Protein backbone atom coordinates (compact mmCIF):
# COMPACT_ATOMS: atom_id res chain seq x y z
CA MET A 1 91.21 -135.13 69.04
CA VAL A 2 92.21 -132.14 71.27
CA ALA A 3 95.80 -133.38 71.67
CA LYS A 4 96.17 -134.07 68.16
CA LYS A 5 95.33 -130.78 66.94
CA GLY A 6 97.26 -128.84 69.13
CA ALA A 7 100.45 -131.00 67.96
CA ALA A 8 99.60 -131.00 64.51
CA VAL A 9 99.46 -126.66 65.00
CA LEU A 10 102.83 -127.00 66.69
CA ARG A 11 104.71 -128.66 64.14
CA THR A 12 102.87 -126.61 61.65
CA THR A 13 103.46 -123.09 62.81
CA GLY A 14 105.88 -123.93 65.87
CA ARG A 15 103.29 -122.07 68.12
CA LEU A 16 99.50 -122.29 69.91
CA ALA A 17 97.75 -119.44 68.78
CA CYS A 18 94.58 -118.20 68.61
CA GLU A 19 93.01 -118.42 64.96
CA VAL A 20 91.45 -115.52 65.45
CA CYS A 21 93.43 -112.57 67.06
CA ASP A 22 96.62 -114.30 67.25
CA PHE A 23 97.17 -114.42 70.82
CA ASP A 24 99.46 -116.85 72.31
CA SER A 25 99.52 -117.40 76.02
CA SER A 26 103.26 -118.35 75.46
CA GLU A 27 104.25 -115.44 74.10
CA ALA A 28 102.07 -113.09 76.82
CA TYR A 29 102.71 -114.97 80.05
CA GLY A 30 105.07 -117.61 79.24
CA ILE A 31 102.59 -120.55 79.95
CA GLU A 32 102.10 -122.58 77.05
CA GLY A 33 98.85 -124.20 76.07
CA VAL A 34 96.10 -121.46 77.45
CA ILE A 35 93.91 -122.57 74.27
CA ASP A 36 90.59 -123.68 73.25
CA VAL A 37 89.76 -126.29 70.38
CA HIS A 38 86.59 -125.41 69.11
CA HIS A 39 84.41 -127.33 66.65
CA VAL A 40 84.18 -124.98 63.33
CA VAL A 41 80.85 -126.49 62.25
CA PRO A 42 78.97 -126.74 65.83
CA LEU A 43 78.09 -130.67 66.46
CA HIS A 44 74.49 -129.89 66.88
CA GLN A 45 74.62 -128.85 63.10
CA LEU A 46 76.78 -132.18 62.36
CA GLY A 47 75.18 -135.18 63.82
CA GLU A 48 77.17 -138.10 63.91
CA SER A 49 80.14 -137.60 62.25
CA VAL A 50 83.76 -138.48 62.36
CA THR A 51 85.58 -135.25 63.68
CA GLY A 52 89.12 -134.66 61.71
CA LEU A 53 91.80 -132.38 62.47
CA ASN A 54 90.22 -129.67 59.70
CA ASP A 55 87.31 -129.55 61.78
CA LEU A 56 88.63 -127.66 64.91
CA ALA A 57 90.29 -124.63 65.23
CA LEU A 58 92.60 -123.33 68.41
CA LEU A 59 90.99 -120.33 69.75
CA CYS A 60 91.91 -118.44 73.25
CA PRO A 61 89.43 -118.54 75.44
CA THR A 62 88.00 -114.96 75.10
CA CYS A 63 87.33 -115.49 71.01
CA HIS A 64 86.35 -118.96 71.56
CA ARG A 65 83.35 -117.40 74.37
CA VAL A 66 82.66 -114.52 71.62
CA LEU A 67 81.65 -117.09 68.82
CA HIS A 68 79.43 -118.80 71.24
CA GLN A 69 77.62 -115.46 71.97
CA HIS A 70 76.52 -115.14 68.70
CA ARG A 71 73.41 -116.14 67.58
CA PRO A 72 73.65 -117.76 65.27
CA ILE A 73 76.99 -118.74 65.78
CA ILE A 74 79.55 -117.33 63.35
CA SER A 75 82.79 -119.03 62.13
CA PRO A 76 86.26 -118.14 63.23
CA ASP A 77 86.68 -116.91 59.89
CA GLU A 78 83.44 -114.35 60.51
CA LEU A 79 84.91 -113.03 63.64
CA ARG A 80 88.04 -112.28 62.51
CA ALA A 81 86.63 -110.03 59.70
CA LYS A 82 84.43 -108.51 62.08
CA ARG A 83 87.30 -107.99 64.41
CA PHE A 84 89.96 -106.91 61.70
CA GLY A 85 87.82 -105.93 58.85
CA SER A 86 89.56 -108.42 56.27
């Protein structure tokens, strides 16, 4: 599922960038794919279910870690709004 999400985003946008801060390791360091895949709704809240591509978000390691530091955990959209005020 991780590879499918990355491939789908790459086909659509042409790059693997963080959905919160837009960091792209390929642009910054010339190393593609330094990106995490995050479940938008935490697995412990989902219970048993089938994960779809829309259930996943691409995040840089920093934004991914910050999301998991919040209690209760916040969504990528909430973190983007908190960081950029929109």
